[in-house]
Amino acid sequence: MKNKKLYIFAILALAFSSCKKELDEVNINPNAPEVAQPDYLLTGTTKTTVDTYWGVTNNMNSSLLFAQHWAKVQYTEEDRFIFSNSSFTSLWSTGYAQSIAGFNKIIELGDAQGNTNYKGVALVLRSWVFLLLTDAYGDIPYSQAGKIKQFVTPVYDKQKDVYYGILNDLKSAQAALDPASGKTIAGDVIYGNNIASWKKFANALRLRIALRIADKDATKAKQVIDEIQAEGGAYISSNAENAILKYDVSPQQNPVAASFETRNDYRISKTIVDKLFSLSDPRLSVYASRTENTTPQTYVGIPNGSTNSEASAIGLANSSKPGTYFLDAKAPAVIFSYAELLFDRAEAAARGFTTENAEDLYKQAIRASFAQYNISGTAVDSYISQTAVVYDAANFKKSIGEQKWIALFGQGLEAWAEQRRLDYPQLTASVNTVLNGKIPVRFIYPGTEQSLNGQNYKNAVSSQGADLLTTKLWFDAF
C-alpha cells in the first residue's frame, strides 16, 4: 500500500512538472524579444526624452516664459511664477525613470555586444539629460542615479561635481565612438546612425559645459577646451549637422504643434518682439505669426507677467502666436545648433581660452542663425553692421548674450540657462509676479522627493540653499 501511494505521488509530480513546462511555454510571447534590442530602445528613449525637453511643462509653460521668448495670453499664473512643488515633476521623473534608465540599458547592451558605438551614443545622450537636470534643479542625484538595485534613495551630488562628472562621461563617450570600427548602430533618430556626427556633438556639449563653469572655474574650463583641441577638436560645422529630432505628422508631431491643436494659451513675448523690431531683425516673421486681426504692428507680443484681465484686454486675435515654422507638426526640436556652437567658440576666444578671432566667430554665429531659417543675402550684412549689433570686445557677455538669446528662440531650457549665466539680455519681471521683482533661477524639486528620498533631499537643501525658485545655483556666479 505504501509503495502504491509513492507511485501515485510520483505520477502526480511528473504531471505537474509537465503542465508547468507547458504553461511556461504558452506564456512566452514568440513575437517579443527576450532581450531588449538597443536599436528600438535608442529610438524610444530618445523620442521620450526630446518630447519632455521640447514639450509643455519644461519648455512652453516655464523656461520659455522665464527667458521671455513666450508669454501667456490665458491662464497666466505660470507667467506670474505661481508654481508649487508638483509643477516641475516631468523633467525629473522622465529624466530618471525613462531617459537615464533607458540609456544605461543601452550602455549595458553595447558592452555585452562589444559595440562601443551604442555605448558612446548612449553616454552622450545620458550626459545631455544630466545636464538638463542640473541646469534646472542644481544639486541632483548623479553618481548613484539609475542604479536602483544598489541605491533606492540616491544621494544628491553637488552641481560642480555633476558638471565635472558629465565632462568625464563625454570624454569617455568620445573615446568609445569609433566610425572606423565597423560596429554599426541602428535606431538613431538624431544623426541617422552617423558616428562621426555623434563625436562632434559630444565635443559641442563639452564646450557648452566648459563655458557653463567658466565663471566659477576658468582653469578647468580652459583645460576641457584644450583637451578637445588636443584630440582633434572636431565640432558641429554646419546647420546640416545640428543635433535635432525631426518630427512627423500626428501622432508623431512636434509637441508644440500638438499643444496648439487643442489649446490657445501661448503668445510670443513682447520682450523679444520689441527687440527684434528695434533691430529690424528679419527673424521676426519666422518667430512670430501675424495677428489674426489687422494691427498697425502686424506682430504683437504679450507682456510677460500679465494678469488674466490684462492679457484678455489685448486679446487672442490681436496678439501673435509663435511663428508657423514652430507650429508645424514636422518642425524639429533643436538640441544643439551650429549657431550656438559658433557663439560658444566666440566666447571661448573672448575669454582667452583659445586664439581664435572672437569677433569673426560672433559674426559667423549670427549668419548661421539666419541660415538656420533660410535667411541670407544683403539683409544679413546690413543687420550685422548695425551699431546695436556690432561686437563689443569690452563687454563680450552683452554682445554674445543678447544675440545668443535671439538665436536660441524656442529652446527654453538652454536660453534660460544662458541668460542666467551671461546676465544678458537684462530681463525685468512684471509687477504682477510673486517673487518680489525676481525671475526664477531654478526649478523646485518635485514634492515626491521629500517623501521618497527625504534625508538626501534635506541634505541637498542644506548644502545648496532653500528649495525656492529664487535660490541661485552654483554656476550662476553673478
Protein backbone atom coordinates (compact mmCIF):
# COMPACT_ATOMS: atom_id res chain seq x y z
CA MET A 1 0.00 0.00 0.00
CA LYS A 2 2.83 2.36 0.91
CA ASN A 3 4.60 1.67 -2.42
CA LYS A 4 1.32 2.26 -4.26
CA LYS A 5 0.95 5.73 -2.63
CA LEU A 6 4.52 6.66 -3.51
CA TYR A 7 3.89 5.60 -7.10
CA ILE A 8 0.76 7.81 -7.29
CA PHE A 9 2.68 10.79 -5.83
CA ALA A 10 5.44 10.29 -8.39
CA ILE A 11 2.93 10.24 -11.27
CA LEU A 12 1.29 13.45 -9.96
CA ALA A 13 4.67 15.16 -9.58
CA LEU A 14 5.62 14.32 -13.15
CA ALA A 15 2.26 15.53 -14.40
CA PHE A 16 2.61 18.81 -12.50
CA SER A 17 6.12 19.33 -13.84
CA SER A 18 4.93 18.67 -17.39
CA CYS A 19 1.99 21.09 -17.00
CA LYS A 20 4.24 23.78 -15.58
CA LYS A 21 6.64 23.42 -18.51
CA GLU A 22 3.76 23.62 -20.96
CA LEU A 23 2.32 26.68 -19.18
CA ASP A 24 5.74 28.38 -19.21
CA GLU A 25 6.00 27.75 -22.95
CA VAL A 26 2.47 29.09 -23.51
CA ASN A 27 3.33 32.26 -21.58
CA ILE A 28 6.29 33.08 -23.84
CA ASN A 29 5.37 35.67 -26.47
CA PRO A 30 7.04 34.46 -29.68
CA ASN A 31 6.81 37.97 -31.13
CA ALA A 32 8.59 39.71 -28.26
CA PRO A 33 12.38 39.56 -27.83
CA GLU A 34 13.56 38.11 -24.53
CA VAL A 35 16.47 40.56 -24.52
CA ALA A 36 15.97 44.29 -25.16
CA GLN A 37 17.19 45.42 -28.57
CA PRO A 38 19.44 48.50 -28.43
CA ASP A 39 18.12 50.00 -31.69
CA TYR A 40 14.47 50.03 -30.60
CA LEU A 41 15.45 51.19 -27.14
CA LEU A 42 17.55 54.01 -28.61
CA THR A 43 14.67 55.27 -30.76
CA GLY A 44 12.09 55.12 -27.99
CA THR A 45 14.23 56.62 -25.24
CA THR A 46 15.46 59.44 -27.47
CA LYS A 47 11.93 60.33 -28.56
CA THR A 48 10.61 60.29 -24.98
CA THR A 49 13.48 62.48 -23.80
CA VAL A 50 13.19 65.06 -26.56
CA ASP A 51 9.39 65.25 -26.16
CA THR A 52 9.91 66.09 -22.49
CA TYR A 53 12.60 68.67 -23.31
CA TRP A 54 10.55 70.39 -26.05
CA GLY A 55 7.07 69.99 -24.61
CA VAL A 56 4.66 71.92 -22.42
CA THR A 57 5.88 71.57 -18.84
CA ASN A 58 9.61 72.22 -19.20
CA ASN A 59 9.60 74.49 -22.23
CA MET A 60 6.34 76.24 -23.03
CA ASN A 61 4.97 76.60 -19.51
CA SER A 62 8.18 77.53 -17.70
CA SER A 63 11.60 78.15 -19.27
CA LEU A 64 10.29 79.92 -22.40
CA LEU A 65 8.38 82.24 -20.06
CA PHE A 66 11.40 82.81 -17.79
CA ALA A 67 13.58 83.62 -20.84
CA GLN A 68 10.80 85.92 -22.15
CA HIS A 69 10.63 84.24 -25.52
CA TRP A 70 6.97 83.34 -24.98
CA ALA A 71 4.20 84.70 -22.78
CA LYS A 72 0.75 83.55 -21.74
CA VAL A 73 -2.47 85.10 -23.01
CA GLN A 74 -4.78 82.84 -20.97
CA TYR A 75 -4.37 81.18 -17.57
CA THR A 76 -1.37 83.39 -16.87
CA GLU A 77 -0.48 82.02 -13.43
CA GLU A 78 2.76 80.41 -14.63
CA ASP A 79 3.82 83.66 -16.30
CA ARG A 80 3.45 85.28 -12.88
CA PHE A 81 5.60 82.49 -11.36
CA ILE A 82 2.82 80.84 -9.38
CA PHE A 83 4.15 77.30 -9.05
CA SER A 84 4.13 74.50 -6.49
CA ASN A 85 6.39 71.53 -5.78
CA SER A 86 4.27 69.47 -8.17
CA SER A 87 4.88 71.86 -11.08
CA PHE A 88 8.28 70.55 -12.13
CA THR A 89 7.98 66.78 -11.80
CA SER A 90 8.08 66.00 -15.53
CA LEU A 91 11.76 66.66 -16.25
CA TRP A 92 12.79 64.85 -13.07
CA SER A 93 10.55 61.79 -13.34
CA THR A 94 11.02 61.25 -17.08
CA GLY A 95 14.71 62.08 -16.88
CA TYR A 96 15.45 59.48 -14.23
CA ALA A 97 12.82 56.75 -14.70
CA GLN A 98 12.89 56.63 -18.50
CA SER A 99 15.76 58.58 -20.05
CA ILE A 100 18.68 57.72 -17.77
CA ALA A 101 17.35 54.19 -17.17
CA GLY A 102 16.98 53.63 -20.91
CA PHE A 103 20.39 54.99 -21.84
CA ASN A 104 22.00 52.96 -19.05
CA LYS A 105 20.44 49.83 -20.54
CA ILE A 106 21.82 50.70 -23.99
CA ILE A 107 25.28 51.16 -22.44
CA GLU A 108 24.92 47.71 -20.85
CA LEU A 109 23.81 46.15 -24.14
CA GLY A 110 26.63 47.88 -26.01
CA ASP A 111 29.14 46.37 -23.61
CA ALA A 112 27.51 42.94 -23.87
CA GLN A 113 27.57 43.05 -27.68
CA GLY A 114 31.05 44.54 -27.90
CA ASN A 115 29.63 47.54 -29.76
CA THR A 116 31.25 50.66 -28.30
CA ASN A 117 29.30 52.93 -30.65
CA TYR A 118 26.00 52.12 -28.92
CA LYS A 119 27.73 52.82 -25.62
CA GLY A 120 29.16 56.11 -26.87
CA VAL A 121 25.86 57.39 -28.25
CA ALA A 122 24.02 56.47 -25.05
CA LEU A 123 26.71 58.16 -22.94
CA VAL A 124 26.31 61.37 -24.95
CA LEU A 125 22.53 61.37 -24.58
CA ARG A 126 22.67 60.45 -20.89
CA SER A 127 25.13 63.31 -20.35
CA TRP A 128 22.73 65.71 -22.04
CA VAL A 129 19.90 64.56 -19.74
CA PHE A 130 22.03 65.05 -16.62
CA LEU A 131 22.97 68.49 -17.94
CA LEU A 132 19.30 69.45 -18.36
CA LEU A 133 18.57 68.25 -14.84
CA THR A 134 21.41 70.04 -13.06
CA ASP A 135 20.92 73.26 -15.07
CA ALA A 136 17.31 73.30 -13.89
CA TYR A 137 17.45 71.99 -10.31
CA GLY A 138 21.09 72.38 -9.21
CA ASP A 139 22.29 69.56 -6.95
CA ILE A 140 20.85 66.27 -8.23
CA PRO A 141 21.37 62.51 -7.94
CA TYR A 142 24.18 61.68 -10.35
CA SER A 143 26.79 59.23 -9.06
CA GLN A 144 24.15 56.85 -7.67
CA ALA A 145 21.39 57.62 -10.18
CA GLY A 146 19.90 54.81 -12.24
CA LYS A 147 21.40 52.10 -10.02
CA ILE A 148 18.13 51.07 -8.42
CA LYS A 149 19.36 47.67 -7.22
CA GLN A 150 22.14 49.36 -5.26
CA PHE A 151 20.68 52.75 -4.36
CA VAL A 152 16.95 53.04 -3.81
CA THR A 153 17.45 56.51 -2.31
CA PRO A 154 20.38 58.06 -4.21
CA VAL A 155 22.40 60.90 -2.76
CA TYR A 156 22.37 64.33 -4.37
CA ASP A 157 25.71 65.35 -5.85
CA LYS A 158 26.79 68.98 -5.79
CA GLN A 159 26.28 70.77 -9.11
CA LYS A 160 30.01 71.31 -9.54
CA ASP A 161 30.62 67.57 -9.19
CA VAL A 162 27.80 66.78 -11.61
CA TYR A 163 29.30 69.03 -14.29
CA TYR A 164 32.76 67.53 -13.79
CA GLY A 165 31.30 64.02 -13.87
CA ILE A 166 29.43 64.72 -17.11
CA LEU A 167 32.62 66.06 -18.66
CA ASN A 168 34.36 62.79 -17.79
CA ASP A 169 31.45 60.82 -19.26
CA LEU A 170 31.60 62.81 -22.50
CA LYS A 171 35.33 62.23 -22.72
CA SER A 172 34.66 58.51 -22.34
CA ALA A 173 31.96 58.73 -24.99
CA GLN A 174 34.38 60.42 -27.35
CA ALA A 175 36.84 57.56 -26.88
CA ALA A 176 34.11 54.93 -27.33
CA LEU A 177 32.73 56.39 -30.56
CA ASP A 178 34.71 54.96 -33.47
CA PRO A 179 33.45 55.41 -37.05
CA ALA A 180 36.20 53.10 -38.32
CA SER A 181 35.41 50.20 -36.01
CA GLY A 182 32.95 48.55 -38.36
CA LYS A 183 30.46 48.40 -35.47
CA THR A 184 27.24 49.86 -36.86
CA ILE A 185 24.23 51.04 -34.91
CA ALA A 186 20.54 51.44 -35.78
CA GLY A 187 17.60 53.35 -34.32
CA ASP A 188 19.35 56.73 -34.19
CA VAL A 189 16.70 59.38 -34.92
CA ILE A 190 19.04 62.34 -34.42
CA TYR A 191 22.03 61.64 -36.68
CA GLY A 192 20.82 58.68 -38.71
CA ASN A 193 23.48 56.34 -37.24
CA ASN A 194 26.37 58.62 -38.28
CA ILE A 195 29.04 58.07 -35.62
CA ALA A 196 31.26 60.93 -36.84
CA SER A 197 28.40 63.36 -36.17
CA TRP A 198 28.00 61.99 -32.64
CA LYS A 199 31.67 62.70 -31.95
CA LYS A 200 31.12 66.32 -32.98
CA PHE A 201 28.01 66.59 -30.81
CA ALA A 202 29.90 65.16 -27.83
CA ASN A 203 32.54 67.88 -28.23
CA ALA A 204 29.87 70.56 -28.58
CA LEU A 205 28.37 69.51 -25.24
CA ARG A 206 31.83 69.54 -23.65
CA LEU A 207 32.32 73.11 -24.89
CA ARG A 208 28.85 74.11 -23.60
CA ILE A 209 29.67 72.77 -20.13
CA ALA A 210 33.16 74.31 -20.14
CA LEU A 211 31.56 77.72 -20.56
CA ARG A 212 28.84 76.91 -18.03
CA ILE A 213 31.54 76.56 -15.37
CA ALA A 214 33.85 79.30 -16.70
CA ASP A 215 32.85 81.98 -14.18
CA LYS A 216 33.44 79.56 -11.31
CA ASP A 217 36.48 77.61 -12.52
CA ALA A 218 38.20 79.18 -15.52
CA THR A 219 41.18 76.86 -15.20
CA LYS A 220 39.02 73.76 -15.55
CA ALA A 221 37.08 75.33 -18.42
CA LYS A 222 40.26 76.03 -20.37
CA GLN A 223 41.58 72.55 -19.62
CA VAL A 224 38.46 70.99 -21.17
CA ILE A 225 38.78 73.10 -24.31
CA ASP A 226 42.49 72.30 -24.57
CA GLU A 227 41.69 68.58 -24.31
CA ILE A 228 39.15 68.85 -27.14
CA GLN A 229 41.71 70.62 -29.32
CA ALA A 230 44.38 68.04 -28.48
CA GLU A 231 42.01 65.26 -29.58
CA GLY A 232 41.41 66.90 -32.96
CA GLY A 233 38.79 69.43 -32.00
CA ALA A 234 36.00 68.38 -34.37
CA TYR A 235 32.79 70.32 -33.70
CA ILE A 236 29.42 70.74 -35.40
CA SER A 237 30.46 72.58 -38.56
CA SER A 238 27.23 73.49 -40.38
CA ASN A 239 23.48 73.67 -39.92
CA ALA A 240 23.30 70.28 -41.63
CA GLU A 241 24.98 68.87 -38.51
CA ASN A 242 22.63 70.44 -35.97
CA ALA A 243 21.52 67.99 -33.28
CA ILE A 244 17.78 67.88 -33.91
CA LEU A 245 14.86 65.50 -33.77
CA LYS A 246 12.68 65.75 -36.86
CA TYR A 247 9.02 65.18 -36.11
CA ASP A 248 6.28 63.93 -38.42
CA VAL A 249 2.52 64.17 -38.77
CA SER A 250 0.19 63.14 -35.94
CA PRO A 251 0.62 61.18 -33.72
CA GLN A 252 4.39 61.79 -34.07
CA GLN A 253 4.06 65.55 -34.31
CA ASN A 254 6.08 68.27 -32.63
CA PRO A 255 4.85 68.72 -29.00
CA VAL A 256 4.37 72.45 -29.63
CA ALA A 257 2.13 71.71 -32.60
CA ALA A 258 0.25 69.10 -30.59
CA SER A 259 -0.46 71.62 -27.83
CA PHE A 260 -1.78 74.25 -30.23
CA GLU A 261 -4.17 71.71 -31.73
CA THR A 262 -6.28 71.88 -28.57
CA ARG A 263 -5.05 74.94 -26.61
CA ASN A 264 -4.55 78.63 -27.31
CA ASP A 265 -2.72 79.77 -24.17
CA TYR A 266 0.59 80.99 -25.55
CA ARG A 267 1.84 84.00 -27.48
CA ILE A 268 5.25 85.39 -28.35
CA SER A 269 6.65 87.68 -25.65
CA LYS A 270 6.57 91.44 -26.07
CA THR A 271 10.18 91.49 -24.84
CA ILE A 272 11.58 89.65 -27.84
CA VAL A 273 9.15 91.26 -30.31
CA ASP A 274 10.31 94.70 -29.22
CA LYS A 275 13.96 93.64 -29.51
CA LEU A 276 13.50 92.21 -32.99
CA PHE A 277 11.61 95.32 -34.12
CA SER A 278 14.35 97.59 -32.77
CA LEU A 279 16.96 95.70 -34.82
CA SER A 280 14.78 95.30 -37.94
CA ASP A 281 15.50 91.61 -37.46
CA PRO A 282 14.08 89.51 -40.34
CA ARG A 283 13.71 86.54 -37.98
CA LEU A 284 10.64 88.27 -36.51
CA SER A 285 8.42 86.90 -39.27
CA VAL A 286 9.77 83.41 -38.52
CA TYR A 287 9.49 83.61 -34.74
CA ALA A 288 6.03 85.23 -34.68
CA SER A 289 2.78 84.80 -36.57
CA ARG A 290 0.83 87.75 -37.89
CA THR A 291 -2.03 88.82 -35.66
CA GLU A 292 -5.38 87.36 -36.68
CA ASN A 293 -6.91 90.82 -36.77
CA THR A 294 -5.18 93.52 -38.76
CA THR A 295 -2.99 95.56 -36.41
CA PRO A 296 -0.64 98.50 -37.05
CA GLN A 297 2.38 96.46 -35.92
CA THR A 298 1.39 93.14 -37.59
CA TYR A 299 3.34 91.31 -34.89
CA VAL A 300 2.21 91.92 -31.30
CA GLY A 301 3.71 90.31 -28.21
CA ILE A 302 2.08 89.85 -24.82
CA PRO A 303 3.93 91.40 -21.85
CA ASN A 304 5.26 88.68 -19.58
CA GLY A 305 3.55 88.54 -16.22
CA SER A 306 0.25 89.95 -17.43
CA THR A 307 -2.80 89.25 -15.31
CA ASN A 308 -5.59 87.33 -16.97
CA SER A 309 -7.59 90.52 -17.41
CA GLU A 310 -4.61 92.45 -18.86
CA ALA A 311 -3.88 89.69 -21.37
CA SER A 312 -7.57 89.40 -22.23
CA ALA A 313 -7.72 93.13 -22.92
CA ILE A 314 -5.10 92.70 -25.65
CA GLY A 315 -6.99 89.71 -26.94
CA LEU A 316 -6.35 86.46 -28.74
CA ALA A 317 -6.91 87.90 -32.22
CA ASN A 318 -4.76 90.98 -31.60
CA SER A 319 -1.65 89.17 -30.38
CA SER A 320 0.84 86.92 -32.15
CA LYS A 321 1.18 83.20 -31.72
CA PRO A 322 4.67 81.76 -32.21
CA GLY A 323 5.59 81.56 -35.88
CA THR A 324 4.07 78.98 -38.19
CA TYR A 325 7.54 77.42 -38.51
CA PHE A 326 7.32 76.36 -34.85
CA LEU A 327 3.67 75.34 -35.02
CA ASP A 328 4.20 72.95 -37.92
CA ALA A 329 3.73 69.29 -37.00
CA LYS A 330 7.09 68.42 -38.58
CA ALA A 331 9.07 71.29 -37.02
CA PRO A 332 12.28 69.92 -35.47
CA ALA A 333 13.21 70.05 -31.80
CA VAL A 334 16.65 71.67 -31.61
CA ILE A 335 19.08 70.20 -29.10
CA PHE A 336 22.27 71.90 -30.31
CA SER A 337 22.65 74.27 -33.27
CA TYR A 338 25.62 75.39 -35.34
CA ALA A 339 24.85 78.98 -34.30
CA GLU A 340 25.19 78.07 -30.61
CA LEU A 341 28.46 76.29 -31.32
CA LEU A 342 29.88 79.40 -33.01
CA PHE A 343 28.73 81.67 -30.19
CA ASP A 344 30.42 79.29 -27.75
CA ARG A 345 33.65 79.38 -29.73
CA ALA A 346 33.44 83.18 -29.85
CA GLU A 347 33.09 83.32 -26.07
CA ALA A 348 35.93 80.87 -25.53
CA ALA A 349 38.13 83.14 -27.64
CA ALA A 350 36.93 86.27 -25.82
CA ARG A 351 37.87 84.67 -22.50
CA GLY A 352 41.34 83.85 -23.79
CA PHE A 353 40.75 80.10 -23.77
CA THR A 354 41.64 79.86 -27.48
CA THR A 355 43.50 82.00 -30.02
CA GLU A 356 40.55 82.20 -32.44
CA ASN A 357 39.05 85.55 -33.50
CA ALA A 358 36.07 86.22 -31.24
CA GLU A 359 34.52 88.94 -33.40
CA ASP A 360 34.71 86.86 -36.56
CA LEU A 361 33.11 83.85 -34.84
CA TYR A 362 30.39 86.11 -33.41
CA LYS A 363 29.50 87.30 -36.91
CA GLN A 364 29.56 83.74 -38.21
CA ALA A 365 27.19 82.72 -35.42
CA ILE A 366 24.65 85.38 -36.40
CA ARG A 367 24.89 84.31 -40.05
CA ALA A 368 24.39 80.68 -39.03
CA SER A 369 21.26 81.58 -37.08
CA PHE A 370 19.84 83.41 -40.09
CA ALA A 371 20.76 80.49 -42.37
CA GLN A 372 19.01 78.09 -40.00
CA TYR A 373 15.78 79.78 -41.12
CA ASN A 374 16.84 80.20 -44.76
CA ILE A 375 17.55 83.93 -44.47
CA SER A 376 20.54 85.17 -46.46
CA GLY A 377 21.75 88.00 -48.68
CA THR A 378 22.27 91.69 -48.03
CA ALA A 379 19.76 91.69 -45.16
CA VAL A 380 22.25 89.74 -43.08
CA ASP A 381 25.13 92.09 -43.91
CA SER A 382 23.02 95.13 -43.03
CA TYR A 383 21.94 93.55 -39.78
CA ILE A 384 25.48 92.74 -38.62
CA SER A 385 26.74 96.24 -39.40
CA GLN A 386 24.23 97.96 -37.08
CA THR A 387 25.70 99.79 -34.10
CA ALA A 388 23.49 97.79 -31.74
CA VAL A 389 24.79 94.51 -33.18
CA VAL A 390 28.49 95.29 -33.73
CA TYR A 391 30.65 93.12 -31.47
CA ASP A 392 31.88 94.86 -28.31
CA ALA A 393 35.09 93.21 -27.11
CA ALA A 394 34.96 95.23 -23.89
CA ASN A 395 31.62 93.64 -22.99
CA PHE A 396 31.55 90.33 -24.83
CA LYS A 397 28.90 88.99 -22.46
CA LYS A 398 26.44 91.60 -23.64
CA SER A 399 27.15 91.16 -27.35
CA ILE A 400 27.14 87.38 -27.25
CA GLY A 401 24.41 87.12 -24.60
CA GLU A 402 21.87 89.24 -26.49
CA GLN A 403 22.46 87.67 -29.89
CA LYS A 404 22.61 84.16 -28.48
CA TRP A 405 19.31 84.74 -26.69
CA ILE A 406 17.71 85.66 -30.00
CA ALA A 407 19.27 82.67 -31.78
CA LEU A 408 18.08 80.23 -29.10
CA PHE A 409 14.42 81.17 -29.59
CA GLY A 410 12.23 78.16 -28.83
CA GLN A 411 14.95 76.34 -26.85
CA GLY A 412 13.59 77.40 -23.49
CA LEU A 413 15.83 75.43 -21.15
CA GLU A 414 19.06 76.43 -22.89
CA ALA A 415 18.04 80.06 -23.45
CA TRP A 416 17.12 80.36 -19.77
CA ALA A 417 20.40 78.75 -18.64
CA GLU A 418 22.48 81.08 -20.80
CA GLN A 419 20.58 84.21 -19.74
CA ARG A 420 21.24 83.30 -16.11
CA ARG A 421 24.93 82.67 -16.82
CA LEU A 422 25.72 85.67 -19.05
CA ASP A 423 23.17 88.02 -17.42
CA TYR A 424 22.18 89.32 -20.85
CA PRO A 425 19.76 90.39 -22.03
CA GLN A 426 18.82 92.08 -18.80
CA LEU A 427 15.22 90.99 -18.26
CA THR A 428 12.70 92.61 -15.93
CA ALA A 429 9.94 90.84 -14.02
CA SER A 430 6.41 92.25 -14.13
CA VAL A 431 4.99 93.91 -11.04
CA ASN A 432 2.30 91.23 -11.18
CA THR A 433 4.75 88.44 -10.43
CA VAL A 434 5.05 86.92 -6.96
CA LEU A 435 8.84 86.80 -6.46
CA ASN A 436 9.42 90.40 -5.38
CA GLY A 437 10.69 91.52 -8.76
CA LYS A 438 12.85 88.44 -9.39
CA ILE A 439 12.71 85.93 -12.26
CA PRO A 440 13.05 82.21 -11.39
CA VAL A 441 16.63 80.92 -11.47
CA ARG A 442 15.85 77.24 -10.85
CA PHE A 443 13.11 74.62 -10.77
CA ILE A 444 11.71 73.48 -7.43
CA TYR A 445 12.45 69.85 -6.57
CA PRO A 446 9.44 67.53 -7.05
CA GLY A 447 7.45 67.16 -3.83
CA THR A 448 7.76 63.38 -4.05
CA GLU A 449 11.47 63.69 -3.24
CA GLN A 450 10.57 64.87 0.25
CA SER A 451 8.60 61.71 0.93
CA LEU A 452 10.56 59.13 -1.07
CA ASN A 453 14.13 60.40 -0.62
CA GLY A 454 13.66 62.66 2.36
CA GLN A 455 17.05 62.65 4.05
CA ASN A 456 19.00 63.18 0.84
CA TYR A 457 16.57 65.92 -0.17
CA LYS A 458 17.19 67.65 3.18
CA ASN A 459 20.95 67.31 2.74
CA ALA A 460 20.73 68.92 -0.72
CA VAL A 461 18.67 71.84 0.56
CA SER A 462 21.08 72.31 3.46
CA SER A 463 24.00 72.40 1.03
CA GLN A 464 22.51 74.38 -1.85
CA GLY A 465 20.02 76.64 -0.14
CA ALA A 466 16.27 76.82 0.25
CA ASP A 467 14.17 74.89 -2.26
CA LEU A 468 12.87 78.06 -3.88
CA LEU A 469 12.62 79.43 -7.41
CA THR A 470 14.96 82.25 -6.40
CA THR A 471 17.87 80.24 -4.93
CA LYS A 472 20.82 80.76 -7.28
CA LEU A 473 22.71 77.72 -8.50
CA TRP A 474 26.47 77.15 -8.33
CA PHE A 475 27.15 78.02 -11.99
CA ASP A 476 25.15 81.28 -11.76
CA ALA A 477 28.03 83.35 -10.40
CA PHE A 478 26.81 86.93 -10.84
